[in-house]
Amino acid sequence: MCLAIPVRITELLDDDRALASAGGIVREIDTTLVDDLRVGDYVILHVGYALSKLNEAEAQKTLEAMAAIGATGEVAEVTHEIH
């Protein structure tokens, strides 16, 4: 099963890497595929790669839906295993 999750950019490291937070876990991600990122932006993360930007309202809506079905613990585990 593939899972893409919303994460928030917490720090830009260079043009191709950033730190992102999900479920209280901060991990380094690849941002090569997304232009014009800023700290605080939300992106869809899949296997360590930011795929696209996501507005904050949509990110929160997705995270709330995941919490409602009990998937937040799984999100933290998956995010922790990315890098």
N, C-alpha and C. Protein backbone atom coordinates (compact mmCIF):
# COMPACT_ATOMS: atom_id res chain seq x y z
N MET A 1 0.84 -1.17 0.00
CA MET A 1 0.00 0.00 0.00
C MET A 1 0.89 1.24 0.00
N CYS A 2 0.51 2.21 -0.77
CA CYS A 2 1.23 3.48 -0.82
C CYS A 2 0.47 4.51 -0.01
N LEU A 3 1.22 5.37 0.67
CA LEU A 3 0.61 6.39 1.50
C LEU A 3 1.33 7.70 1.26
N ALA A 4 0.56 8.73 0.94
CA ALA A 4 1.10 10.09 0.83
C ALA A 4 0.43 10.90 1.92
N ILE A 5 1.21 11.65 2.67
CA ILE A 5 0.68 12.37 3.82
C ILE A 5 1.06 13.85 3.76
N PRO A 6 0.22 14.71 4.34
CA PRO A 6 0.59 16.13 4.42
C PRO A 6 1.61 16.34 5.54
N VAL A 7 2.65 17.09 5.24
CA VAL A 7 3.65 17.47 6.24
C VAL A 7 3.93 18.96 6.11
N ARG A 8 4.41 19.56 7.20
CA ARG A 8 4.72 20.99 7.21
C ARG A 8 6.22 21.19 7.16
N ILE A 9 6.65 22.07 6.28
CA ILE A 9 8.08 22.40 6.16
C ILE A 9 8.49 23.22 7.38
N THR A 10 9.53 22.75 8.09
CA THR A 10 10.00 23.46 9.28
C THR A 10 11.32 24.18 9.05
N GLU A 11 12.07 23.73 8.05
CA GLU A 11 13.36 24.37 7.74
C GLU A 11 13.77 23.99 6.33
N LEU A 12 14.26 24.97 5.59
CA LEU A 12 14.82 24.72 4.26
C LEU A 12 16.32 24.52 4.41
N LEU A 13 16.83 23.40 3.93
CA LEU A 13 18.25 23.10 4.07
C LEU A 13 19.05 23.58 2.87
N ASP A 14 18.52 23.37 1.67
CA ASP A 14 19.10 23.88 0.43
C ASP A 14 18.03 23.80 -0.64
N ASP A 15 18.38 23.92 -1.92
CA ASP A 15 17.39 23.91 -2.99
C ASP A 15 16.66 22.58 -3.14
N ASP A 16 17.23 21.51 -2.64
CA ASP A 16 16.67 20.18 -2.86
C ASP A 16 16.27 19.43 -1.59
N ARG A 17 16.46 20.04 -0.42
CA ARG A 17 16.17 19.34 0.83
C ARG A 17 15.55 20.29 1.86
N ALA A 18 14.71 19.70 2.71
CA ALA A 18 14.10 20.47 3.79
C ALA A 18 13.83 19.54 4.96
N LEU A 19 13.55 20.14 6.11
CA LEU A 19 13.05 19.37 7.23
C LEU A 19 11.55 19.56 7.26
N ALA A 20 10.82 18.46 7.52
CA ALA A 20 9.37 18.52 7.55
C ALA A 20 8.86 17.78 8.78
N SER A 21 7.73 18.25 9.30
CA SER A 21 7.15 17.69 10.51
C SER A 21 5.82 17.02 10.22
N ALA A 22 5.66 15.82 10.78
CA ALA A 22 4.37 15.11 10.72
C ALA A 22 4.26 14.25 11.96
N GLY A 23 3.15 14.33 12.64
CA GLY A 23 2.95 13.51 13.82
C GLY A 23 3.98 13.75 14.90
N GLY A 24 4.55 14.96 14.96
CA GLY A 24 5.56 15.27 15.97
C GLY A 24 6.95 14.81 15.62
N ILE A 25 7.11 14.22 14.46
CA ILE A 25 8.42 13.73 14.03
C ILE A 25 8.93 14.63 12.91
N VAL A 26 10.17 15.06 13.01
CA VAL A 26 10.79 15.90 11.99
C VAL A 26 11.81 15.06 11.23
N ARG A 27 11.69 15.07 9.91
CA ARG A 27 12.59 14.28 9.06
C ARG A 27 13.05 15.12 7.88
N GLU A 28 14.19 14.75 7.35
CA GLU A 28 14.70 15.39 6.14
C GLU A 28 13.97 14.80 4.93
N ILE A 29 13.52 15.69 4.02
CA ILE A 29 12.82 15.23 2.82
C ILE A 29 13.45 15.85 1.58
N ASP A 30 13.18 15.24 0.45
CA ASP A 30 13.64 15.74 -0.84
C ASP A 30 12.58 16.67 -1.42
N THR A 31 12.97 17.88 -1.81
CA THR A 31 12.02 18.86 -2.32
C THR A 31 12.26 19.20 -3.80
N THR A 32 13.01 18.37 -4.48
CA THR A 32 13.36 18.62 -5.88
C THR A 32 12.14 18.87 -6.77
N LEU A 33 11.03 18.20 -6.49
CA LEU A 33 9.86 18.26 -7.37
C LEU A 33 8.93 19.44 -7.10
N VAL A 34 9.21 20.23 -6.06
CA VAL A 34 8.33 21.34 -5.70
C VAL A 34 9.11 22.65 -5.71
N ASP A 35 8.58 23.64 -6.41
CA ASP A 35 9.23 24.95 -6.51
C ASP A 35 8.70 25.91 -5.44
N ASP A 36 9.53 26.89 -5.11
CA ASP A 36 9.14 28.03 -4.29
C ASP A 36 8.58 27.64 -2.92
N LEU A 37 9.27 26.76 -2.22
CA LEU A 37 8.84 26.37 -0.88
C LEU A 37 9.30 27.37 0.16
N ARG A 38 8.48 27.53 1.19
CA ARG A 38 8.82 28.40 2.32
C ARG A 38 8.55 27.64 3.61
N VAL A 39 9.22 28.04 4.67
CA VAL A 39 8.94 27.47 5.98
C VAL A 39 7.47 27.72 6.30
N GLY A 40 6.79 26.69 6.76
CA GLY A 40 5.37 26.79 7.08
C GLY A 40 4.47 26.22 6.00
N ASP A 41 5.00 26.05 4.78
CA ASP A 41 4.21 25.45 3.70
C ASP A 41 3.92 23.99 4.02
N TYR A 42 2.80 23.51 3.53
CA TYR A 42 2.46 22.09 3.61
C TYR A 42 2.69 21.46 2.25
N VAL A 43 3.20 20.24 2.26
CA VAL A 43 3.39 19.48 1.03
C VAL A 43 2.85 18.07 1.23
N ILE A 44 2.55 17.42 0.12
CA ILE A 44 2.20 16.01 0.15
C ILE A 44 3.50 15.24 0.06
N LEU A 45 3.75 14.35 1.02
CA LEU A 45 4.99 13.59 1.09
C LEU A 45 4.73 12.13 0.76
N HIS A 46 5.53 11.59 -0.13
CA HIS A 46 5.44 10.18 -0.50
C HIS A 46 6.85 9.62 -0.61
N VAL A 47 7.14 8.58 0.13
CA VAL A 47 8.44 7.90 0.18
C VAL A 47 9.63 8.87 0.23
N GLY A 48 9.48 9.92 1.05
CA GLY A 48 10.58 10.84 1.26
C GLY A 48 10.65 12.01 0.30
N TYR A 49 9.72 12.07 -0.67
CA TYR A 49 9.71 13.14 -1.66
C TYR A 49 8.48 14.02 -1.52
N ALA A 50 8.69 15.33 -1.50
CA ALA A 50 7.57 16.26 -1.55
C ALA A 50 7.06 16.25 -2.99
N LEU A 51 5.77 15.96 -3.16
CA LEU A 51 5.20 15.86 -4.51
C LEU A 51 4.55 17.15 -4.97
N SER A 52 3.87 17.84 -4.07
CA SER A 52 3.20 19.09 -4.42
C SER A 52 2.85 19.85 -3.16
N LYS A 53 2.60 21.16 -3.33
CA LYS A 53 2.16 21.98 -2.21
C LYS A 53 0.70 21.69 -1.93
N LEU A 54 0.31 21.97 -0.70
CA LEU A 54 -1.06 21.78 -0.25
C LEU A 54 -1.38 22.95 0.65
N ASN A 55 -2.56 23.57 0.48
CA ASN A 55 -2.86 24.70 1.36
C ASN A 55 -3.14 24.19 2.77
N GLU A 56 -2.95 25.06 3.74
CA GLU A 56 -3.05 24.66 5.14
C GLU A 56 -4.42 24.09 5.50
N ALA A 57 -5.48 24.70 4.98
CA ALA A 57 -6.83 24.22 5.29
C ALA A 57 -7.03 22.78 4.80
N GLU A 58 -6.57 22.49 3.60
CA GLU A 58 -6.70 21.13 3.06
C GLU A 58 -5.83 20.15 3.84
N ALA A 59 -4.63 20.59 4.22
CA ALA A 59 -3.75 19.73 5.01
C ALA A 59 -4.39 19.39 6.35
N GLN A 60 -4.95 20.39 7.02
CA GLN A 60 -5.59 20.16 8.31
C GLN A 60 -6.80 19.24 8.17
N LYS A 61 -7.58 19.45 7.11
CA LYS A 61 -8.74 18.61 6.85
C LYS A 61 -8.32 17.14 6.67
N THR A 62 -7.26 16.92 5.94
CA THR A 62 -6.75 15.56 5.71
C THR A 62 -6.23 14.96 7.01
N LEU A 63 -5.47 15.73 7.78
CA LEU A 63 -4.93 15.23 9.05
C LEU A 63 -6.05 14.91 10.03
N GLU A 64 -7.10 15.73 10.06
CA GLU A 64 -8.25 15.47 10.93
C GLU A 64 -8.97 14.19 10.51
N ALA A 65 -9.12 13.99 9.22
CA ALA A 65 -9.77 12.76 8.71
C ALA A 65 -8.94 11.54 9.08
N MET A 66 -7.63 11.65 8.97
CA MET A 66 -6.75 10.54 9.33
C MET A 66 -6.85 10.25 10.83
N ALA A 67 -6.93 11.29 11.64
CA ALA A 67 -7.06 11.10 13.09
C ALA A 67 -8.40 10.44 13.42
N ALA A 68 -9.45 10.80 12.69
CA ALA A 68 -10.78 10.25 12.95
C ALA A 68 -10.84 8.75 12.70
N ILE A 69 -10.03 8.27 11.78
CA ILE A 69 -10.03 6.82 11.51
C ILE A 69 -8.89 6.11 12.24
N GLY A 70 -8.20 6.86 13.09
CA GLY A 70 -7.14 6.25 13.90
C GLY A 70 -5.84 6.04 13.16
N ALA A 71 -5.63 6.77 12.08
CA ALA A 71 -4.42 6.57 11.27
C ALA A 71 -3.26 7.44 11.71
N THR A 72 -3.43 8.30 12.69
CA THR A 72 -2.34 9.21 13.05
C THR A 72 -1.14 8.49 13.61
N GLY A 73 -1.33 7.43 14.38
CA GLY A 73 -0.20 6.64 14.88
C GLY A 73 0.55 6.00 13.74
N GLU A 74 -0.19 5.51 12.73
CA GLU A 74 0.45 4.91 11.57
C GLU A 74 1.22 5.95 10.78
N VAL A 75 0.70 7.17 10.70
CA VAL A 75 1.40 8.24 9.99
C VAL A 75 2.72 8.52 10.66
N ALA A 76 2.74 8.60 11.97
CA ALA A 76 3.98 8.85 12.70
C ALA A 76 4.98 7.73 12.44
N GLU A 77 4.51 6.48 12.44
CA GLU A 77 5.41 5.36 12.19
C GLU A 77 5.97 5.38 10.78
N VAL A 78 5.12 5.66 9.80
CA VAL A 78 5.56 5.70 8.40
C VAL A 78 6.54 6.85 8.20
N THR A 79 6.23 8.02 8.76
CA THR A 79 7.13 9.16 8.61
C THR A 79 8.46 8.87 9.25
N HIS A 80 8.47 8.21 10.39
CA HIS A 80 9.71 7.89 11.09
C HIS A 80 10.60 6.96 10.26
N GLU A 81 10.01 6.11 9.46
CA GLU A 81 10.77 5.15 8.69
C GLU A 81 11.24 5.67 7.34
N ILE A 82 10.87 6.90 6.97
CA ILE A 82 11.19 7.41 5.63
C ILE A 82 12.69 7.52 5.41
N HIS A 83 13.42 8.09 6.34
CA HIS A 83 14.85 8.30 6.13
C HIS A 83 15.64 7.55 7.14
